[in-house]
Each structure stands twice: as C-alpha cells, then as structure tokens.
Protein backbone atom coordinates (compact mmCIF):
# COMPACT_ATOMS: atom_id res chain seq x y z
CA UNK A 1 -28.28 21.31 5.50
CA UNK A 2 -25.16 23.74 5.10
CA UNK A 3 -21.80 24.07 5.47
CA UNK A 4 -21.81 24.51 9.31
CA UNK A 5 -24.08 21.44 10.05
CA UNK A 6 -21.65 19.18 8.04
CA UNK A 7 -18.77 20.50 10.13
CA UNK A 8 -20.26 19.89 13.49
CA UNK A 9 -21.11 16.46 11.98
CA UNK A 10 -17.77 15.63 11.09
CA UNK A 11 -15.51 17.45 13.25
CA UNK A 12 -14.74 15.19 16.32
CA UNK A 13 -14.30 12.01 13.90
CA UNK A 14 -10.68 12.98 12.89
CA UNK A 15 -10.09 13.72 16.65
CA UNK A 16 -11.25 10.44 18.25
CA UNK A 17 -10.63 8.21 15.31
CA UNK A 18 -7.02 8.79 15.10
CA UNK A 19 -6.65 8.22 18.92
CA UNK A 20 -8.46 4.88 18.56
CA UNK A 21 -6.35 4.08 15.44
CA UNK A 22 -3.14 4.85 17.58
CA UNK A 23 -4.32 2.85 20.58
CA UNK A 24 -5.14 -0.20 18.41
CA UNK A 25 -1.93 0.19 16.57
CA UNK A 26 0.00 -0.11 19.92
CA UNK A 27 -2.08 -3.03 21.12
CA UNK A 28 -1.00 -4.80 17.95
CA UNK A 29 2.60 -3.87 18.65
CA UNK A 30 2.60 -5.16 22.08
CA UNK A 31 0.42 -8.32 20.93
CA UNK A 32 2.48 -8.86 17.93
CA UNK A 33 -0.67 -8.99 15.98
CA UNK A 34 -0.68 -8.42 11.94
CA UNK A 35 -4.50 -8.44 11.98
CA UNK A 36 -4.77 -5.42 14.57
CA UNK A 37 -1.83 -3.72 12.54
CA UNK A 38 -3.88 -3.83 9.45
CA UNK A 39 -6.94 -2.88 11.21
CA UNK A 40 -5.22 0.47 12.49
CA UNK A 41 -3.99 1.43 9.34
CA UNK A 42 -7.48 0.65 7.82
CA UNK A 43 -8.79 3.44 10.22
CA UNK A 44 -5.66 5.77 9.58
CA UNK A 45 -6.39 5.55 6.02
CA UNK A 46 -10.21 6.17 6.52
CA UNK A 47 -9.66 9.02 8.78
CA UNK A 48 -7.37 10.72 6.02
CA UNK A 49 -10.50 10.41 3.60
CA UNK A 50 -12.87 11.86 6.15
CA UNK A 51 -10.66 14.83 6.92
CA UNK A 52 -11.09 16.45 3.71
CA UNK A 53 -14.76 17.36 4.06
CA UNK A 54 -14.17 18.25 7.58
CA UNK A 55 -11.66 20.55 6.71
CA UNK A 56 -12.82 22.23 3.58
CA UNK A 57 -16.75 22.66 5.40
CA UNK A 58 -14.90 24.21 8.12
CA UNK A 59 -13.99 27.05 5.81
CA UNK A 60 -17.38 27.54 5.19
CA UNK A 61 -18.51 27.50 8.81
CA UNK A 62 -15.97 30.05 9.44
CA UNK A 63 -17.36 32.37 6.74
CA UNK A 64 -20.79 32.20 8.47
CA UNK A 65 -19.26 32.83 12.34
CA UNK A 66 -17.18 35.88 11.08
CA UNK A 67 -20.26 37.63 10.45
CA UNK A 68 -21.64 37.01 14.07
CA UNK A 69 -20.50 40.04 16.07
CA UNK A 70 -19.97 38.23 19.17
CA UNK A 71 -17.44 35.90 17.78
CA UNK A 72 -13.89 36.43 18.46
CA UNK A 73 -12.06 36.74 15.11
CA UNK A 74 -8.82 35.77 16.87
CA UNK A 75 -10.70 32.36 17.94
CA UNK A 76 -11.11 31.67 14.55
CA UNK A 77 -7.86 32.51 13.38
CA UNK A 78 -6.29 30.15 15.98
CA UNK A 79 -8.63 27.42 14.91
CA UNK A 80 -7.70 27.41 11.12
CA UNK A 81 -3.93 27.62 11.89
CA UNK A 82 -4.26 24.45 14.10
CA UNK A 83 -6.65 22.91 11.76
CA UNK A 84 -4.03 23.30 8.82
CA UNK A 85 -1.44 21.56 10.53
CA UNK A 86 -3.83 18.81 11.53
CA UNK A 87 -4.79 18.15 7.99
CA UNK A 88 -1.26 18.15 6.83
CA UNK A 89 -0.39 15.33 9.12
CA UNK A 90 -3.61 13.60 8.91
CA UNK A 91 -2.86 13.10 5.07
CA UNK A 92 0.33 12.15 5.58
CA UNK A 93 -0.59 9.65 8.13
CA UNK A 94 -3.11 8.32 5.76
CA UNK A 95 -0.72 7.78 2.99
CA UNK A 96 2.02 5.89 4.94
CA UNK A 97 -1.28 3.84 6.45
CA UNK A 98 -2.22 2.77 2.92
CA UNK A 99 1.45 2.20 2.20
CA UNK A 100 1.69 -0.11 5.03
CA UNK A 101 -1.42 -1.99 4.01
CA UNK A 102 0.11 -2.50 0.53
CA UNK A 103 3.01 -3.97 2.23
CA UNK A 104 1.13 -6.19 4.18
CA UNK A 105 -0.11 -8.01 1.06
CA UNK A 106 3.22 -7.26 -1.02
CA UNK A 107 5.55 -8.75 1.68
CA UNK A 108 3.43 -10.52 3.90
CA UNK A 109 3.88 -7.80 6.89
CA UNK A 110 4.18 -4.17 7.26
CA UNK A 111 7.58 -3.22 7.06
CA UNK A 112 9.03 -1.77 10.47
CA UNK A 113 10.02 1.60 9.17
CA UNK A 114 6.45 2.06 7.99
CA UNK A 115 4.77 1.60 11.32
CA UNK A 116 7.29 3.42 12.94
CA UNK A 117 6.47 6.50 10.86
CA UNK A 118 2.73 6.13 11.17
CA UNK A 119 3.10 5.97 14.96
CA UNK A 120 5.34 9.40 14.79
CA UNK A 121 2.81 11.04 12.37
CA UNK A 122 -0.39 9.73 14.49
CA UNK A 123 1.29 11.17 17.65
CA UNK A 124 1.73 14.46 16.04
CA UNK A 125 -1.88 14.38 14.66
CA UNK A 126 -3.38 13.48 17.93
CA UNK A 127 -1.77 16.77 19.34
CA UNK A 128 -2.67 18.97 16.62
CA UNK A 129 -6.03 17.67 16.07
CA UNK A 130 -6.67 18.04 19.83
CA UNK A 131 -5.23 21.57 19.65
CA UNK A 132 -7.78 22.40 16.65
CA UNK A 133 -10.49 20.75 18.47
CA UNK A 134 -9.84 23.00 21.78
CA UNK A 135 -9.45 26.19 19.57
CA UNK A 136 -12.67 25.38 17.93
CA UNK A 137 -14.73 24.83 21.13
CA UNK A 138 -13.17 28.46 22.02
CA UNK A 139 -14.98 30.09 19.29
CA UNK A 140 -18.48 29.73 20.56
CA UNK A 141 -17.94 28.50 24.31
CA UNK A 142 -16.14 30.90 26.14
CA UNK A 143 -17.44 29.51 29.38
CA UNK A 144 -14.50 26.94 29.15
CA UNK A 145 -11.99 29.84 29.37
CA UNK A 146 -10.99 31.56 32.35
CA UNK A 147 -11.86 35.43 32.26
CA UNK A 148 -7.94 36.07 31.75
CA UNK A 149 -7.92 33.61 28.92
CA UNK A 150 -10.89 35.44 27.22
CA UNK A 151 -9.12 38.63 27.76
CA UNK A 152 -5.71 37.32 26.37
CA UNK A 153 -7.38 35.67 23.40
CA UNK A 154 -9.31 38.85 22.44
CA UNK A 155 -6.06 40.95 22.87
CA UNK A 156 -3.21 38.78 21.19
CA UNK A 157 -3.24 38.40 17.37
CA UNK A 158 -2.89 35.19 16.07
CA UNK A 159 0.20 34.64 13.17
CA UNK A 160 -2.21 34.46 10.19
CA UNK A 161 -0.37 31.18 8.76
CA UNK A 162 -3.40 30.41 6.54
CA UNK A 163 -3.48 34.01 5.16
CA UNK A 164 0.36 33.61 4.60
CA UNK A 165 -0.08 30.35 2.63
CA UNK A 166 -3.41 31.77 0.73
CA UNK A 167 -0.78 34.74 -0.37
CA UNK A 168 1.69 32.49 -1.38
CA UNK A 169 -0.43 30.56 -3.70
CA UNK A 170 -2.17 33.76 -5.14
CA UNK A 171 0.65 36.13 -5.02
CA UNK A 172 3.29 34.33 -6.29
CA UNK A 173 3.49 34.21 -9.95
CA UNK A 174 4.49 30.88 -10.87
CA UNK A 175 2.83 28.77 -7.82
CA UNK A 176 -0.74 28.35 -9.33
CA UNK A 177 0.74 26.88 -12.78
CA UNK A 178 3.01 24.61 -10.92
CA UNK A 179 0.25 23.17 -8.50
CA UNK A 180 -2.09 22.92 -11.74
CA UNK A 181 0.85 20.94 -13.86
CA UNK A 182 1.43 18.65 -10.80
CA UNK A 183 -2.20 17.97 -10.28
CA UNK A 184 -2.49 16.85 -13.68
CA UNK A 185 0.70 14.62 -13.45
CA UNK A 186 -0.63 13.14 -10.06
CA UNK A 187 -4.25 12.36 -11.95
CA UNK A 188 -2.39 10.88 -14.72
CA UNK A 189 -0.57 8.37 -12.57
CA UNK A 190 -3.69 7.60 -10.42
CA UNK A 191 -5.78 7.00 -13.47
CA UNK A 192 -3.22 5.27 -15.23
CA UNK A 193 -2.90 2.73 -12.46
CA UNK A 194 -6.73 2.40 -11.50
CA UNK A 195 -7.53 1.70 -15.10
CA UNK A 196 -4.84 -0.82 -15.46
CA UNK A 197 -6.42 -2.57 -12.40
CA UNK A 198 -10.15 -2.03 -13.09
CA UNK A 199 -9.92 -3.32 -16.43
CA UNK A 200 -8.02 -6.59 -15.17
CA UNK A 201 -11.07 -7.08 -12.98
CA UNK A 202 -13.35 -6.45 -15.40
CA UNK A 203 -12.07 -9.27 -17.71
CA UNK A 204 -9.63 -7.38 -20.05
CA UNK A 205 -5.53 -8.58 -19.59
CA UNK A 206 -6.29 -11.70 -18.23
CA UNK A 207 -2.78 -13.09 -18.96
CA UNK A 208 -1.66 -11.04 -16.19
CA UNK A 209 -2.45 -12.27 -12.37
CA UNK A 210 -3.60 -9.50 -9.96
CA UNK A 211 -0.63 -9.57 -7.31
CA UNK A 212 1.60 -8.26 -10.53
CA UNK A 213 -0.81 -5.33 -11.12
CA UNK A 214 -0.64 -4.62 -7.45
CA UNK A 215 2.70 -3.45 -7.34
CA UNK A 216 1.85 -0.69 -9.29
CA UNK A 217 -0.57 0.56 -6.80
CA UNK A 218 1.92 2.85 -5.17
CA UNK A 219 2.32 4.85 -8.16
CA UNK A 220 -1.24 5.29 -7.96
CA UNK A 221 -1.57 6.29 -4.27
CA UNK A 222 1.49 8.72 -5.17
CA UNK A 223 -0.62 10.11 -7.83
CA UNK A 224 -3.58 10.60 -5.17
CA UNK A 225 -1.38 12.11 -2.91
CA UNK A 226 -0.23 14.64 -5.37
CA UNK A 227 -3.52 15.40 -6.21
CA UNK A 228 -4.55 15.70 -2.41
CA UNK A 229 -1.69 18.48 -1.70
CA UNK A 230 -2.26 20.25 -4.72
CA UNK A 231 -6.05 20.36 -4.42
CA UNK A 232 -5.30 21.52 -0.70
CA UNK A 233 -3.32 24.37 -1.86
CA UNK A 234 -5.82 25.52 -4.22
CA UNK A 235 -8.66 25.33 -1.83
CA UNK A 236 -6.48 27.39 0.97
CA UNK A 237 -5.63 29.82 -2.04
CA UNK A 238 -9.07 30.58 -2.99
CA UNK A 239 -11.41 28.82 -0.45
CA UNK A 240 -14.42 31.08 -1.17
CA UNK A 241 -14.74 29.82 -5.03
CA UNK A 242 -14.80 26.25 -3.81
CA UNK A 243 -16.83 25.61 -0.42
CA UNK A 244 -20.14 26.94 -2.02
CA UNK A 245 -19.29 25.21 -5.30
CA UNK A 246 -21.95 22.42 -5.83
CA UNK A 247 -19.84 20.41 -8.55
CA UNK A 248 -16.86 21.01 -5.90
CA UNK A 249 -18.98 19.68 -3.16
CA UNK A 250 -20.00 16.67 -5.10
CA UNK A 251 -16.18 15.95 -5.93
CA UNK A 252 -15.19 15.76 -2.53
CA UNK A 253 -18.06 13.15 -1.73
CA UNK A 254 -16.96 11.19 -4.68
CA UNK A 255 -13.75 11.23 -3.95
CA UNK A 256 -14.46 9.64 -0.67
CA UNK A 257 -16.36 6.78 -2.17
CA UNK A 258 -13.51 6.09 -4.49
CA UNK A 259 -11.08 6.27 -2.10
CA UNK A 260 -12.90 3.70 0.22
CA UNK A 261 -13.62 1.68 -3.02
CA UNK A 262 -9.48 1.61 -3.53
CA UNK A 263 -9.18 -0.16 -0.17
CA UNK A 264 -11.10 -3.06 -1.28
CA UNK A 265 -8.32 -4.15 -3.56
CA UNK A 266 -6.12 -4.05 -0.56
CA UNK A 267 -8.22 -5.38 2.27
CA UNK A 268 -9.94 -8.65 0.87
CA UNK A 269 -8.85 -11.95 -0.37
CA UNK A 270 -10.93 -12.65 -3.56
CA UNK A 271 -8.89 -10.73 -5.96
CA UNK A 272 -5.68 -12.06 -4.33
CA UNK A 273 -6.07 -15.62 -5.72
CA UNK A 274 -6.61 -14.48 -9.24
CA UNK A 275 -3.91 -16.36 -11.41
CA UNK A 276 -3.24 -15.60 -15.33
CA UNK A 277 -6.10 -16.61 -17.01
CA UNK A 278 -8.64 -16.36 -14.07
CA UNK A 279 -12.13 -14.72 -14.13
CA UNK A 280 -12.31 -12.11 -11.28
CA UNK A 281 -15.60 -12.77 -9.15
CA UNK A 282 -18.95 -10.47 -9.49
CA UNK A 283 -18.27 -8.39 -6.58
CA UNK A 284 -14.58 -7.42 -7.85
CA UNK A 285 -16.04 -6.69 -11.01
CA UNK A 286 -18.65 -4.36 -9.56
CA UNK A 287 -16.14 -2.65 -7.68
CA UNK A 288 -13.83 -2.24 -10.63
CA UNK A 289 -16.71 -0.89 -12.60
CA UNK A 290 -17.85 1.34 -10.09
CA UNK A 291 -14.25 3.04 -9.56
CA UNK A 292 -14.18 3.67 -13.18
CA UNK A 293 -17.36 5.42 -13.13
CA UNK A 294 -16.31 7.22 -9.87
CA UNK A 295 -13.17 8.65 -11.35
CA UNK A 296 -14.75 9.63 -14.48
CA UNK A 297 -17.39 11.67 -12.38
CA UNK A 298 -14.72 13.12 -10.31
CA UNK A 299 -12.95 14.43 -13.31
CA UNK A 300 -16.17 15.73 -14.75
CA UNK A 301 -16.82 17.51 -11.53
CA UNK A 302 -13.47 18.90 -11.72
CA UNK A 303 -13.91 20.49 -15.35
CA UNK A 304 -17.01 21.56 -14.62
CA UNK A 305 -16.09 23.95 -11.77
CA UNK A 306 -15.89 27.42 -14.03
CA UNK A 307 -19.16 26.20 -15.65
CA UNK A 308 -21.51 24.96 -13.18
CA UNK A 309 -22.30 27.65 -10.19
CA UNK A 310 -20.87 31.07 -9.61
CA UNK A 311 -17.44 30.30 -7.97
CA UNK A 312 -15.08 31.33 -10.83
C-alpha cells in the first residue's frame, strides 16, 4: 500500500462524514436533543482528525499522478486549491465542535453561538469538500466532463494558490521560524494540560476533582489547534520532505489515535464523578497512561524527522 492507495481509501470520509454530521446537527436542533447535538459534534471532531492524513496523502498521490502523460496538470492544481480551502475549514469546524463538547460538560449544554459557528463552518466545509471531490474526479475521469469542459480545463490555467502559500512559507525570511516558535508554544500548552489530566487519572493530585481540571482542557485544545495549523504550514511549504518520511507518517497516525483518546475524557461519564480523593476507574487509568505514551511517541517522531530517512 502506498500514498495513492491511502488517499483513495480516505478521501470520501471528510465529504460524506461532514454531510452526515451536518444533517444530524440540524435534526438535533429541530428536535431540541442535546444527545444528538453531542453525537454530531463527535462526528465533526472525528472528521477533522481523519482529514489530516487524507490531505497529506493527497500530496503524495499528486506527485505520482503528475508523472503520467495523460493527466491534466490543471486538474491537479484545481483539486489542490480546493483541498487547501477544505482542510482549513474542516479543522476550524473540528476545533469548534470539540469546544461544543467541552461546553456540554462544563455548562450542561452547548452554547448557542458555538452551534451557530459549527453550522456555518459545516456548510462552508460541505461546499469546499464537494468541490474538492468533484475536481479530484476530473483528474482521472474525463468521461464525467463534456468536451467543452475538457477543453477549458486544459486551456485555462488554475491560480497556483498552494504554490503561493508554499512560497510565502519558504521565501519569507521570518515565516518558518515564527511557525516553529508557535509550534513549540502550542506543544507546551497541549502537553502541560494533557499531563495534568493524565497524572490525576493515574493517581497523582488526588485532592483535585476531574471537573476542575477539565476547565483547563480548552487551553490544551488551543495548543493542539496551533500545532495543526503550523504543522500544515510546514507541510504546504515543503511537502516533499514530509509525505515520504516514515517518522512523519507514524507521527500523523499517532496523532489520530491520541486525538481520539482525548475525546474519551469529554464523552464518557465515569471520570466526571471523580471527587477530590477518589480513585479513577481502571479504564480511565489505561486511557491516561496510553495518552502519555502516545504524546511522547509523537514528540519523538517529530524530533527524528531530520535523522531517520532522507527527507531533510
């Protein structure tokens, strides 16, 4: 299995998943169901995680397709442009969806402005994800186009938006160091909060209740969001040094598992009854211990990028 296989396996999930989540959220609003709201927000958060390997494997697939003489370079450029807009809005949607899940625990219900923001971002995401899927189909399936559309696609150059972003990252003197600094700030926020929560679950700081620690989780998610956005900037700036890198591929796989692990502490009830002095249940301890291992492994993979493989 290579990157084109992975991209073909994943590329429909962000589109269909967002449509399902948006429809579920609309039903929840009509039926005034908090449970359905939470279910839709979980779907949005999961899609935001799954969109990361989908986008990144797409760059590897594009490098393979560009070598084929029968493939339109304009079609690939149009697909990449739409995918860039789609991934940005998907990740923003996922962040606000997680914030809604946090609010549902912290305040017993999701704030109205959060639901409104997720709805707007979800609608925009559906549009750009649909355009991304449609332009992706045009790369290898010209039979879905009319002869005039095939001619226009071959003759009309597409705005090289992705190339412009890459040039801004690599051609602007301060851009890469600034993103590196923000990346480490985000990592510090994320790891600081994650370790506090996980250590409490594993038996330390037992004088603190879990709901008190849960107030800190938005700072951890903010750190995760900063890392995702700056990481995407690095990837767009120099994609070739990442998508064939074994430690980078492992890093993204581990981020998916760690992100799903983080949802456990918001979705499930058993940790929410932990008062000061209470012992966490075994499943919470396992989740906390695995989270520590996962994030240490993610940091190790990031540090090994220049040393394992030939990416840098």
